[in-house]
Amino acid sequence: MQGLDREASGKIRISVDPMTGHFLLAPVFAEFCRIYPQVELEISLTFAIEQISKLETDIAIRHAAEITDDVVARKLQPLPISVCASRDYIATHLPKAGKKGKGLSFIGYGPIPEMTAFISASAFPDATVRHQCIDPEMHLHLVRAGAGMSFLPHWTLQKFPELQRVPGGVPDTSRSTWVVYHEDLRRLRRVRIFVDFLAQSLISLAREAR
């Protein structure tokens, strides 16, 4: 079966956000390339939504509550998000914090209404937004280094054991990770194989995290 699968060949253009690409999917992409050496991956790391309909990319990996574009969309897995911090930060600051997070610090994203609403609806609305950075990957690094709290996907807790959910918070479960591609690409063997491989790999990673 593996020998037959290796008949797949050609280029696949993939669009994914930098943090997910760097820390979650790089090993998955590498394993796919090992099994299917005739397939070439062209990976675009971007926060922009590259348009499938305009052929800006072949496959996009997106995080959303739903996909409304006129594309083929396959839900890969839920994407729960929680307020997270380093274990040291929690041990040092949480015992002294007041109700609703007074005395704690968020790393903010700037004037983004969705993120402001996240903070207001969290268990820590009175925490101070001390720092600003629009890059989620930088949030990850700052949180790991103890600079404060931020909203992070739960898979980061598996990758970085120095992180933990801040006690008292409730996960946001409105989003999922999707793979989307153009209807015409259904007929391409390499695309079908890649999408199935990606889905199975993420299922395996989720099982390991339990």
N, C-alpha and C. Protein backbone atom coordinates (compact mmCIF):
# COMPACT_ATOMS: atom_id res chain seq x y z
N MET A 1 0.84 -1.20 0.00
CA MET A 1 0.00 0.00 0.00
C MET A 1 0.87 1.25 0.00
N GLN A 2 1.94 1.23 0.81
CA GLN A 2 2.80 2.41 0.88
C GLN A 2 3.45 2.65 -0.48
N GLY A 3 3.83 1.58 -1.15
CA GLY A 3 4.44 1.72 -2.47
C GLY A 3 3.48 2.35 -3.46
N LEU A 4 2.21 1.94 -3.43
CA LEU A 4 1.22 2.54 -4.32
C LEU A 4 0.99 4.00 -3.99
N ASP A 5 0.95 4.32 -2.70
CA ASP A 5 0.73 5.70 -2.28
C ASP A 5 1.83 6.62 -2.80
N ARG A 6 3.03 6.10 -2.96
CA ARG A 6 4.13 6.93 -3.38
C ARG A 6 4.04 7.33 -4.84
N GLU A 7 3.00 6.84 -5.53
CA GLU A 7 2.78 7.30 -6.88
C GLU A 7 2.32 8.75 -6.89
N ALA A 8 1.84 9.25 -5.75
CA ALA A 8 1.42 10.66 -5.67
C ALA A 8 2.64 11.54 -5.89
N SER A 9 2.48 12.57 -6.71
CA SER A 9 3.61 13.46 -6.99
C SER A 9 3.08 14.84 -7.36
N GLY A 10 3.99 15.81 -7.33
CA GLY A 10 3.62 17.17 -7.70
C GLY A 10 3.72 18.12 -6.52
N LYS A 11 3.32 19.37 -6.76
CA LYS A 11 3.43 20.42 -5.74
C LYS A 11 2.09 20.66 -5.06
N ILE A 12 2.14 20.92 -3.74
CA ILE A 12 0.97 21.37 -2.99
C ILE A 12 1.34 22.67 -2.30
N ARG A 13 0.57 23.71 -2.56
CA ARG A 13 0.78 24.99 -1.88
C ARG A 13 -0.11 25.05 -0.64
N ILE A 14 0.49 25.31 0.51
CA ILE A 14 -0.22 25.26 1.78
C ILE A 14 -0.09 26.62 2.46
N SER A 15 -1.20 27.11 3.00
CA SER A 15 -1.22 28.35 3.75
C SER A 15 -1.61 28.05 5.20
N VAL A 16 -0.81 28.52 6.16
CA VAL A 16 -1.09 28.27 7.58
C VAL A 16 -0.49 29.41 8.39
N ASP A 17 -1.07 29.69 9.55
CA ASP A 17 -0.52 30.75 10.38
C ASP A 17 0.82 30.32 10.96
N PRO A 18 1.73 31.27 11.23
CA PRO A 18 3.09 30.92 11.64
C PRO A 18 3.18 30.07 12.90
N MET A 19 2.40 30.39 13.94
CA MET A 19 2.55 29.64 15.19
C MET A 19 2.15 28.18 15.02
N THR A 20 1.04 27.95 14.34
CA THR A 20 0.61 26.57 14.09
C THR A 20 1.61 25.85 13.21
N GLY A 21 2.12 26.54 12.20
CA GLY A 21 3.10 25.92 11.31
C GLY A 21 4.38 25.55 12.02
N HIS A 22 4.93 26.50 12.79
CA HIS A 22 6.21 26.27 13.47
C HIS A 22 6.13 25.16 14.51
N PHE A 23 5.12 25.22 15.38
CA PHE A 23 5.15 24.41 16.59
C PHE A 23 4.26 23.17 16.56
N LEU A 24 3.27 23.14 15.67
CA LEU A 24 2.38 21.98 15.63
C LEU A 24 2.55 21.16 14.36
N LEU A 25 2.63 21.83 13.21
CA LEU A 25 2.54 21.10 11.95
C LEU A 25 3.87 20.81 11.27
N ALA A 26 4.95 21.46 11.66
CA ALA A 26 6.23 21.19 11.01
C ALA A 26 6.60 19.70 11.05
N PRO A 27 6.48 19.00 12.19
CA PRO A 27 6.79 17.57 12.19
C PRO A 27 5.82 16.75 11.32
N VAL A 28 4.57 17.19 11.24
CA VAL A 28 3.59 16.50 10.40
C VAL A 28 3.97 16.65 8.93
N PHE A 29 4.33 17.87 8.53
CA PHE A 29 4.75 18.10 7.15
C PHE A 29 6.00 17.27 6.82
N ALA A 30 6.95 17.23 7.75
CA ALA A 30 8.19 16.50 7.51
C ALA A 30 7.92 15.00 7.34
N GLU A 31 7.03 14.45 8.16
CA GLU A 31 6.71 13.02 8.05
C GLU A 31 5.99 12.74 6.74
N PHE A 32 5.11 13.64 6.31
CA PHE A 32 4.43 13.46 5.03
C PHE A 32 5.45 13.43 3.90
N CYS A 33 6.42 14.33 3.95
CA CYS A 33 7.44 14.37 2.89
C CYS A 33 8.31 13.12 2.88
N ARG A 34 8.52 12.54 4.07
CA ARG A 34 9.30 11.31 4.13
C ARG A 34 8.56 10.15 3.46
N ILE A 35 7.25 10.08 3.69
CA ILE A 35 6.46 8.97 3.14
C ILE A 35 6.18 9.18 1.65
N TYR A 36 6.00 10.42 1.24
CA TYR A 36 5.65 10.73 -0.16
C TYR A 36 6.73 11.63 -0.75
N PRO A 37 7.87 11.08 -1.09
CA PRO A 37 9.02 11.90 -1.51
C PRO A 37 8.82 12.59 -2.85
N GLN A 38 7.81 12.20 -3.63
CA GLN A 38 7.58 12.84 -4.92
C GLN A 38 6.66 14.04 -4.81
N VAL A 39 6.17 14.33 -3.61
CA VAL A 39 5.31 15.51 -3.40
C VAL A 39 6.16 16.64 -2.84
N GLU A 40 6.00 17.82 -3.40
CA GLU A 40 6.73 19.00 -2.95
C GLU A 40 5.76 19.94 -2.25
N LEU A 41 6.10 20.35 -1.03
CA LEU A 41 5.26 21.28 -0.29
C LEU A 41 5.81 22.70 -0.43
N GLU A 42 4.94 23.62 -0.77
CA GLU A 42 5.28 25.05 -0.79
C GLU A 42 4.46 25.70 0.32
N ILE A 43 5.11 26.03 1.43
CA ILE A 43 4.41 26.43 2.65
C ILE A 43 4.47 27.95 2.80
N SER A 44 3.30 28.56 2.91
CA SER A 44 3.19 30.00 3.14
C SER A 44 2.74 30.21 4.58
N LEU A 45 3.60 30.86 5.38
CA LEU A 45 3.26 31.18 6.77
C LEU A 45 2.71 32.59 6.81
N THR A 46 1.43 32.72 7.06
CA THR A 46 0.80 34.03 7.00
C THR A 46 -0.44 34.07 7.88
N PHE A 47 -0.74 35.26 8.41
CA PHE A 47 -1.99 35.47 9.13
C PHE A 47 -3.10 35.88 8.18
N ALA A 48 -2.75 36.24 6.96
CA ALA A 48 -3.77 36.64 5.99
C ALA A 48 -4.54 35.40 5.53
N ILE A 49 -5.79 35.62 5.16
CA ILE A 49 -6.59 34.53 4.62
C ILE A 49 -6.38 34.50 3.11
N GLU A 50 -5.50 33.62 2.68
CA GLU A 50 -5.23 33.52 1.25
C GLU A 50 -6.43 32.87 0.56
N GLN A 51 -6.82 33.43 -0.56
CA GLN A 51 -8.07 33.06 -1.20
C GLN A 51 -7.93 31.79 -2.05
N ILE A 52 -8.72 30.80 -1.70
CA ILE A 52 -8.77 29.56 -2.49
C ILE A 52 -9.37 29.85 -3.87
N SER A 53 -10.45 30.63 -3.90
CA SER A 53 -11.16 30.89 -5.16
C SER A 53 -10.29 31.64 -6.16
N LYS A 54 -9.35 32.44 -5.66
CA LYS A 54 -8.46 33.20 -6.55
C LYS A 54 -7.14 32.47 -6.80
N LEU A 55 -7.08 31.22 -6.37
CA LEU A 55 -5.91 30.36 -6.59
C LEU A 55 -4.64 30.92 -5.96
N GLU A 56 -4.80 31.64 -4.83
CA GLU A 56 -3.62 32.14 -4.13
C GLU A 56 -2.90 31.01 -3.40
N THR A 57 -3.62 29.94 -3.09
CA THR A 57 -3.04 28.76 -2.45
C THR A 57 -3.90 27.56 -2.80
N ASP A 58 -3.36 26.36 -2.64
CA ASP A 58 -4.13 25.15 -2.91
C ASP A 58 -4.93 24.73 -1.69
N ILE A 59 -4.26 24.74 -0.54
CA ILE A 59 -4.86 24.30 0.72
C ILE A 59 -4.60 25.35 1.78
N ALA A 60 -5.62 25.68 2.55
CA ALA A 60 -5.45 26.61 3.67
C ALA A 60 -5.89 25.92 4.95
N ILE A 61 -5.10 26.11 5.99
CA ILE A 61 -5.46 25.60 7.31
C ILE A 61 -5.89 26.80 8.13
N ARG A 62 -7.14 26.79 8.57
CA ARG A 62 -7.72 27.94 9.22
C ARG A 62 -8.32 27.56 10.57
N HIS A 63 -8.42 28.55 11.44
CA HIS A 63 -9.05 28.38 12.76
C HIS A 63 -10.27 29.28 12.79
N ALA A 64 -11.45 28.69 12.88
CA ALA A 64 -12.68 29.48 12.79
C ALA A 64 -13.84 28.69 13.40
N ALA A 65 -14.91 29.43 13.71
CA ALA A 65 -16.12 28.76 14.20
C ALA A 65 -16.79 28.00 13.05
N GLU A 66 -16.78 28.60 11.86
CA GLU A 66 -17.33 27.95 10.67
C GLU A 66 -16.65 28.53 9.44
N ILE A 67 -16.75 27.81 8.35
CA ILE A 67 -16.21 28.26 7.07
C ILE A 67 -17.38 28.56 6.15
N THR A 68 -17.48 29.81 5.69
CA THR A 68 -18.61 30.20 4.86
C THR A 68 -18.21 30.41 3.40
N ASP A 69 -16.92 30.32 3.09
CA ASP A 69 -16.48 30.49 1.70
C ASP A 69 -17.02 29.35 0.83
N ASP A 70 -17.03 29.58 -0.47
CA ASP A 70 -17.45 28.56 -1.42
C ASP A 70 -16.26 27.64 -1.72
N VAL A 71 -15.93 26.80 -0.74
CA VAL A 71 -14.79 25.89 -0.84
C VAL A 71 -15.17 24.57 -0.18
N VAL A 72 -14.34 23.57 -0.40
CA VAL A 72 -14.47 22.33 0.34
C VAL A 72 -13.81 22.55 1.71
N ALA A 73 -14.53 22.30 2.76
CA ALA A 73 -14.02 22.53 4.12
C ALA A 73 -14.18 21.26 4.94
N ARG A 74 -13.09 20.82 5.55
CA ARG A 74 -13.11 19.63 6.42
C ARG A 74 -12.63 20.03 7.81
N LYS A 75 -13.48 19.78 8.79
CA LYS A 75 -13.11 20.11 10.17
C LYS A 75 -12.13 19.05 10.67
N LEU A 76 -10.95 19.51 11.10
CA LEU A 76 -9.92 18.58 11.55
C LEU A 76 -10.05 18.24 13.03
N GLN A 77 -10.24 19.28 13.86
CA GLN A 77 -10.36 19.03 15.29
C GLN A 77 -10.83 20.30 15.98
N PRO A 78 -11.43 20.18 17.18
CA PRO A 78 -11.77 21.38 17.94
C PRO A 78 -10.49 22.13 18.32
N LEU A 79 -10.65 23.44 18.57
CA LEU A 79 -9.51 24.27 18.96
C LEU A 79 -9.87 25.03 20.25
N PRO A 80 -9.90 24.33 21.39
CA PRO A 80 -10.18 25.05 22.64
C PRO A 80 -9.05 26.02 22.98
N ILE A 81 -9.44 27.18 23.49
CA ILE A 81 -8.50 28.24 23.85
C ILE A 81 -8.77 28.66 25.29
N SER A 82 -7.71 28.85 26.07
CA SER A 82 -7.86 29.26 27.47
C SER A 82 -6.87 30.35 27.81
N VAL A 83 -7.15 31.03 28.92
CA VAL A 83 -6.17 31.95 29.48
C VAL A 83 -5.06 31.10 30.10
N CYS A 84 -3.83 31.30 29.60
CA CYS A 84 -2.70 30.48 30.04
C CYS A 84 -1.58 31.38 30.56
N ALA A 85 -0.73 30.80 31.38
CA ALA A 85 0.45 31.49 31.90
C ALA A 85 1.49 30.45 32.26
N SER A 86 2.68 30.89 32.56
CA SER A 86 3.71 29.95 33.01
C SER A 86 3.37 29.48 34.42
N ARG A 87 3.81 28.30 34.75
CA ARG A 87 3.57 27.76 36.09
C ARG A 87 4.19 28.67 37.16
N ASP A 88 5.35 29.23 36.87
CA ASP A 88 5.98 30.14 37.83
C ASP A 88 5.15 31.41 38.03
N TYR A 89 4.62 31.95 36.92
CA TYR A 89 3.81 33.16 37.03
C TYR A 89 2.57 32.90 37.88
N ILE A 90 1.93 31.76 37.65
CA ILE A 90 0.72 31.43 38.40
C ILE A 90 1.04 31.24 39.88
N ALA A 91 2.12 30.54 40.16
CA ALA A 91 2.49 30.30 41.56
C ALA A 91 2.84 31.58 42.29
N THR A 92 3.43 32.54 41.57
CA THR A 92 3.87 33.79 42.20
C THR A 92 2.75 34.80 42.34
N HIS A 93 1.92 34.95 41.30
CA HIS A 93 0.97 36.06 41.26
C HIS A 93 -0.48 35.69 41.61
N LEU A 94 -0.91 34.48 41.30
CA LEU A 94 -2.32 34.14 41.53
C LEU A 94 -2.70 34.18 43.01
N PRO A 95 -1.87 33.68 43.93
CA PRO A 95 -2.28 33.73 45.35
C PRO A 95 -2.51 35.15 45.87
N LYS A 96 -1.87 36.14 45.27
CA LYS A 96 -2.02 37.52 45.73
C LYS A 96 -3.06 38.30 44.94
N ALA A 97 -3.64 37.68 43.92
CA ALA A 97 -4.58 38.39 43.05
C ALA A 97 -5.93 38.57 43.72
N GLY A 98 -6.59 39.67 43.38
CA GLY A 98 -7.93 39.91 43.88
C GLY A 98 -8.97 39.21 43.02
N LYS A 99 -10.23 39.45 43.37
CA LYS A 99 -11.31 38.86 42.59
C LYS A 99 -11.28 39.41 41.16
N LYS A 100 -11.69 38.58 40.26
CA LYS A 100 -11.75 38.92 38.84
C LYS A 100 -10.38 39.27 38.25
N GLY A 101 -9.31 38.78 38.89
CA GLY A 101 -7.98 38.92 38.32
C GLY A 101 -7.26 40.20 38.63
N LYS A 102 -7.77 40.99 39.56
CA LYS A 102 -7.08 42.24 39.90
C LYS A 102 -5.68 41.92 40.42
N GLY A 103 -4.67 42.57 39.86
CA GLY A 103 -3.28 42.30 40.21
C GLY A 103 -2.57 41.41 39.21
N LEU A 104 -3.32 40.77 38.31
CA LEU A 104 -2.72 39.97 37.25
C LEU A 104 -2.55 40.81 35.99
N SER A 105 -1.76 40.31 35.04
CA SER A 105 -1.47 41.07 33.81
C SER A 105 -1.75 40.23 32.57
N PHE A 106 -2.41 40.85 31.62
CA PHE A 106 -2.60 40.26 30.29
C PHE A 106 -1.58 40.84 29.32
N ILE A 107 -1.17 40.03 28.37
CA ILE A 107 -0.46 40.52 27.19
C ILE A 107 -1.54 40.76 26.14
N GLY A 108 -1.70 42.01 25.73
CA GLY A 108 -2.79 42.36 24.83
C GLY A 108 -2.41 42.30 23.36
N TYR A 109 -3.44 42.35 22.51
CA TYR A 109 -3.26 42.34 21.07
C TYR A 109 -3.46 43.72 20.45
N GLY A 110 -3.63 44.74 21.28
CA GLY A 110 -3.92 46.05 20.74
C GLY A 110 -5.41 46.24 20.58
N PRO A 111 -5.82 47.25 19.80
CA PRO A 111 -7.25 47.58 19.67
C PRO A 111 -8.01 46.62 18.76
N ILE A 112 -8.03 45.35 19.13
CA ILE A 112 -8.79 44.36 18.38
C ILE A 112 -10.04 44.02 19.18
N PRO A 113 -11.22 44.42 18.72
CA PRO A 113 -12.45 44.25 19.51
C PRO A 113 -12.69 42.83 20.00
N GLU A 114 -12.39 41.83 19.15
CA GLU A 114 -12.62 40.44 19.55
C GLU A 114 -11.79 40.07 20.77
N MET A 115 -10.53 40.50 20.81
CA MET A 115 -9.67 40.15 21.94
C MET A 115 -10.06 40.93 23.19
N THR A 116 -10.47 42.19 23.02
CA THR A 116 -10.95 42.96 24.16
C THR A 116 -12.18 42.30 24.76
N ALA A 117 -13.06 41.80 23.90
CA ALA A 117 -14.26 41.10 24.37
C ALA A 117 -13.88 39.81 25.10
N PHE A 118 -12.85 39.11 24.60
CA PHE A 118 -12.37 37.90 25.26
C PHE A 118 -11.96 38.19 26.69
N ILE A 119 -11.21 39.26 26.88
CA ILE A 119 -10.73 39.61 28.23
C ILE A 119 -11.91 39.96 29.13
N SER A 120 -12.85 40.75 28.61
CA SER A 120 -14.00 41.16 29.40
C SER A 120 -14.86 39.97 29.81
N ALA A 121 -14.95 38.98 28.94
CA ALA A 121 -15.79 37.81 29.22
C ALA A 121 -15.05 36.72 29.98
N SER A 122 -13.75 36.91 30.21
CA SER A 122 -12.97 35.89 30.92
C SER A 122 -13.22 35.97 32.41
N ALA A 123 -12.58 35.06 33.15
CA ALA A 123 -12.68 35.08 34.61
C ALA A 123 -11.81 36.16 35.23
N PHE A 124 -11.08 36.92 34.38
CA PHE A 124 -10.11 37.90 34.89
C PHE A 124 -10.30 39.27 34.24
N PRO A 125 -11.52 39.82 34.23
CA PRO A 125 -11.76 41.09 33.53
C PRO A 125 -11.07 42.28 34.18
N ASP A 126 -10.69 42.16 35.46
CA ASP A 126 -10.03 43.28 36.13
C ASP A 126 -8.50 43.20 36.05
N ALA A 127 -7.97 42.20 35.35
CA ALA A 127 -6.53 42.13 35.14
C ALA A 127 -6.08 43.29 34.25
N THR A 128 -4.87 43.76 34.45
CA THR A 128 -4.34 44.87 33.67
C THR A 128 -3.76 44.37 32.35
N VAL A 129 -4.06 45.08 31.28
CA VAL A 129 -3.42 44.78 29.99
C VAL A 129 -2.14 45.61 29.94
N ARG A 130 -1.02 44.97 30.23
CA ARG A 130 0.23 45.70 30.41
C ARG A 130 1.06 45.82 29.14
N HIS A 131 0.96 44.82 28.28
CA HIS A 131 1.83 44.79 27.10
C HIS A 131 0.95 44.63 25.86
N GLN A 132 1.50 44.98 24.72
CA GLN A 132 0.77 44.87 23.46
C GLN A 132 1.64 44.20 22.41
N CYS A 133 1.08 43.22 21.74
CA CYS A 133 1.78 42.58 20.62
C CYS A 133 0.75 41.88 19.76
N ILE A 134 0.79 42.10 18.48
CA ILE A 134 -0.23 41.54 17.59
C ILE A 134 0.13 40.12 17.13
N ASP A 135 1.34 39.68 17.40
CA ASP A 135 1.83 38.38 16.91
C ASP A 135 1.56 37.29 17.95
N PRO A 136 0.69 36.30 17.66
CA PRO A 136 0.40 35.24 18.63
C PRO A 136 1.63 34.44 19.03
N GLU A 137 2.56 34.26 18.10
CA GLU A 137 3.76 33.49 18.44
C GLU A 137 4.58 34.21 19.51
N MET A 138 4.65 35.55 19.42
CA MET A 138 5.35 36.31 20.45
C MET A 138 4.62 36.20 21.78
N HIS A 139 3.30 36.15 21.74
CA HIS A 139 2.53 35.92 22.97
C HIS A 139 2.97 34.62 23.64
N LEU A 140 3.11 33.59 22.81
CA LEU A 140 3.54 32.30 23.34
C LEU A 140 4.89 32.42 24.03
N HIS A 141 5.85 33.08 23.39
CA HIS A 141 7.18 33.21 23.97
C HIS A 141 7.15 34.06 25.26
N LEU A 142 6.39 35.14 25.24
CA LEU A 142 6.30 36.00 26.42
C LEU A 142 5.65 35.28 27.60
N VAL A 143 4.59 34.53 27.31
CA VAL A 143 3.92 33.78 28.38
C VAL A 143 4.85 32.73 28.96
N ARG A 144 5.56 32.02 28.09
CA ARG A 144 6.50 31.01 28.58
C ARG A 144 7.57 31.64 29.47
N ALA A 145 7.95 32.87 29.18
CA ALA A 145 8.99 33.55 29.95
C ALA A 145 8.46 34.24 31.20
N GLY A 146 7.15 34.16 31.43
CA GLY A 146 6.59 34.70 32.67
C GLY A 146 6.16 36.15 32.61
N ALA A 147 5.93 36.70 31.39
CA ALA A 147 5.58 38.11 31.27
C ALA A 147 4.12 38.40 31.58
N GLY A 148 3.29 37.39 31.69
CA GLY A 148 1.88 37.61 31.97
C GLY A 148 1.03 36.49 31.39
N MET A 149 -0.27 36.78 31.26
CA MET A 149 -1.24 35.81 30.76
C MET A 149 -1.64 36.15 29.32
N SER A 150 -2.09 35.14 28.60
CA SER A 150 -2.64 35.38 27.27
C SER A 150 -3.55 34.20 26.91
N PHE A 151 -4.30 34.38 25.83
CA PHE A 151 -5.16 33.31 25.33
C PHE A 151 -4.34 32.44 24.38
N LEU A 152 -4.25 31.15 24.70
CA LEU A 152 -3.47 30.23 23.88
C LEU A 152 -4.27 28.96 23.62
N PRO A 153 -4.07 28.34 22.45
CA PRO A 153 -4.73 27.06 22.19
C PRO A 153 -4.18 25.97 23.09
N HIS A 154 -5.02 25.00 23.43
CA HIS A 154 -4.63 23.97 24.39
C HIS A 154 -3.47 23.11 23.90
N TRP A 155 -3.27 23.01 22.59
CA TRP A 155 -2.17 22.17 22.12
C TRP A 155 -0.81 22.72 22.56
N THR A 156 -0.75 24.03 22.86
CA THR A 156 0.52 24.59 23.34
C THR A 156 0.89 24.03 24.71
N LEU A 157 -0.10 23.62 25.50
CA LEU A 157 0.17 23.04 26.82
C LEU A 157 0.84 21.68 26.68
N GLN A 158 0.52 20.98 25.61
CA GLN A 158 1.16 19.69 25.34
C GLN A 158 2.60 19.89 24.89
N LYS A 159 2.83 20.91 24.07
CA LYS A 159 4.16 21.15 23.53
C LYS A 159 5.10 21.79 24.55
N PHE A 160 4.54 22.59 25.45
CA PHE A 160 5.36 23.36 26.39
C PHE A 160 4.86 23.12 27.81
N PRO A 161 5.41 22.14 28.50
CA PRO A 161 4.90 21.77 29.84
C PRO A 161 5.08 22.85 30.89
N GLU A 162 5.88 23.90 30.61
CA GLU A 162 6.00 24.98 31.58
C GLU A 162 4.76 25.88 31.60
N LEU A 163 3.84 25.66 30.66
CA LEU A 163 2.60 26.42 30.60
C LEU A 163 1.47 25.67 31.29
N GLN A 164 0.49 26.43 31.76
CA GLN A 164 -0.72 25.79 32.26
C GLN A 164 -1.88 26.78 32.15
N ARG A 165 -3.09 26.25 32.14
CA ARG A 165 -4.27 27.10 32.18
C ARG A 165 -4.33 27.80 33.53
N VAL A 166 -4.70 29.07 33.53
CA VAL A 166 -4.84 29.80 34.78
C VAL A 166 -6.09 29.29 35.49
N PRO A 167 -5.99 28.78 36.72
CA PRO A 167 -7.15 28.24 37.42
C PRO A 167 -8.29 29.26 37.53
N GLY A 168 -9.49 28.76 37.35
CA GLY A 168 -10.67 29.61 37.43
C GLY A 168 -11.23 30.01 36.09
N GLY A 169 -10.44 29.85 35.05
CA GLY A 169 -10.91 30.21 33.72
C GLY A 169 -11.71 29.09 33.07
N VAL A 170 -12.48 29.44 32.06
CA VAL A 170 -13.29 28.48 31.31
C VAL A 170 -12.84 28.52 29.85
N PRO A 171 -12.56 27.37 29.25
CA PRO A 171 -12.09 27.37 27.85
C PRO A 171 -13.14 27.93 26.89
N ASP A 172 -12.65 28.61 25.86
CA ASP A 172 -13.51 29.00 24.75
C ASP A 172 -13.45 27.87 23.71
N THR A 173 -14.59 27.32 23.40
CA THR A 173 -14.63 26.15 22.49
C THR A 173 -15.37 26.48 21.20
N SER A 174 -15.43 27.74 20.84
CA SER A 174 -16.21 28.13 19.67
C SER A 174 -15.50 27.84 18.35
N ARG A 175 -14.18 27.62 18.39
CA ARG A 175 -13.42 27.47 17.16
C ARG A 175 -12.97 26.03 16.94
N SER A 176 -12.71 25.75 15.67
CA SER A 176 -12.11 24.48 15.27
C SER A 176 -11.03 24.76 14.24
N THR A 177 -10.18 23.77 14.02
CA THR A 177 -9.18 23.85 12.95
C THR A 177 -9.75 23.16 11.71
N TRP A 178 -9.69 23.85 10.58
CA TRP A 178 -10.25 23.36 9.32
C TRP A 178 -9.15 23.30 8.26
N VAL A 179 -9.33 22.38 7.32
CA VAL A 179 -8.53 22.42 6.10
C VAL A 179 -9.50 22.70 4.96
N VAL A 180 -9.17 23.70 4.14
CA VAL A 180 -10.07 24.10 3.06
C VAL A 180 -9.32 24.08 1.74
N TYR A 181 -10.02 23.75 0.68
CA TYR A 181 -9.41 23.72 -0.64
C TYR A 181 -10.49 23.82 -1.70
N HIS A 182 -10.08 24.08 -2.92
CA HIS A 182 -11.01 24.28 -4.03
C HIS A 182 -11.64 22.96 -4.43
N GLU A 183 -12.90 23.04 -4.83
CA GLU A 183 -13.64 21.84 -5.26
C GLU A 183 -12.89 21.08 -6.35
N ASP A 184 -12.26 21.81 -7.27
CA ASP A 184 -11.57 21.16 -8.39
C ASP A 184 -10.40 20.29 -7.94
N LEU A 185 -9.86 20.57 -6.74
CA LEU A 185 -8.70 19.83 -6.26
C LEU A 185 -9.06 18.46 -5.68
N ARG A 186 -10.34 18.19 -5.53
CA ARG A 186 -10.75 16.87 -5.04
C ARG A 186 -10.18 15.75 -5.90
N ARG A 187 -10.01 16.03 -7.19
CA ARG A 187 -9.57 14.99 -8.12
C ARG A 187 -8.07 14.73 -8.06
N LEU A 188 -7.32 15.62 -7.39
CA LEU A 188 -5.87 15.44 -7.33
C LEU A 188 -5.52 14.46 -6.21
N ARG A 189 -4.85 13.40 -6.59
CA ARG A 189 -4.49 12.35 -5.64
C ARG A 189 -3.62 12.90 -4.50
N ARG A 190 -2.66 13.74 -4.84
CA ARG A 190 -1.77 14.25 -3.80
C ARG A 190 -2.51 15.09 -2.77
N VAL A 191 -3.54 15.82 -3.21
CA VAL A 191 -4.32 16.64 -2.28
C VAL A 191 -5.16 15.76 -1.37
N ARG A 192 -5.83 14.75 -1.94
CA ARG A 192 -6.64 13.85 -1.11
C ARG A 192 -5.78 13.16 -0.07
N ILE A 193 -4.61 12.69 -0.49
CA ILE A 193 -3.71 11.98 0.44
C ILE A 193 -3.23 12.93 1.54
N PHE A 194 -2.88 14.16 1.15
CA PHE A 194 -2.37 15.11 2.15
C PHE A 194 -3.44 15.45 3.18
N VAL A 195 -4.65 15.71 2.73
CA VAL A 195 -5.73 16.08 3.66
C VAL A 195 -6.01 14.93 4.63
N ASP A 196 -6.06 13.70 4.13
CA ASP A 196 -6.28 12.55 5.01
C ASP A 196 -5.13 12.37 5.99
N PHE A 197 -3.92 12.54 5.51
CA PHE A 197 -2.74 12.40 6.37
C PHE A 197 -2.76 13.46 7.48
N LEU A 198 -3.08 14.69 7.11
CA LEU A 198 -3.14 15.78 8.09
C LEU A 198 -4.19 15.49 9.15
N ALA A 199 -5.37 15.06 8.73
CA ALA A 199 -6.44 14.77 9.68
C ALA A 199 -6.04 13.67 10.65
N GLN A 200 -5.47 12.57 10.12
CA GLN A 200 -5.09 11.46 10.99
C GLN A 200 -3.95 11.85 11.93
N SER A 201 -3.04 12.67 11.47
CA SER A 201 -1.93 13.10 12.32
C SER A 201 -2.42 13.93 13.49
N LEU A 202 -3.35 14.83 13.25
CA LEU A 202 -3.87 15.67 14.33
C LEU A 202 -4.71 14.85 15.31
N ILE A 203 -5.42 13.85 14.80
CA ILE A 203 -6.16 12.96 15.70
C ILE A 203 -5.19 12.23 16.61
N SER A 204 -4.08 11.75 16.05
CA SER A 204 -3.08 11.04 16.86
C SER A 204 -2.45 11.95 17.89
N LEU A 205 -2.15 13.21 17.53
CA LEU A 205 -1.58 14.15 18.48
C LEU A 205 -2.55 14.45 19.60
N ALA A 206 -3.85 14.56 19.28
CA ALA A 206 -4.85 14.83 20.30
C ALA A 206 -4.96 13.67 21.28
N ARG A 207 -4.84 12.45 20.77
CA ARG A 207 -4.91 11.28 21.65
C ARG A 207 -3.70 11.23 22.59
N GLU A 208 -2.53 11.60 22.07
CA GLU A 208 -1.33 11.60 22.90
C GLU A 208 -1.42 12.62 24.02
N ALA A 209 -2.19 13.70 23.79
CA ALA A 209 -2.28 14.76 24.78
C ALA A 209 -3.22 14.42 25.92
N ARG A 210 -4.04 13.39 25.74
CA ARG A 210 -5.01 13.05 26.79
C ARG A 210 -4.34 12.38 27.97
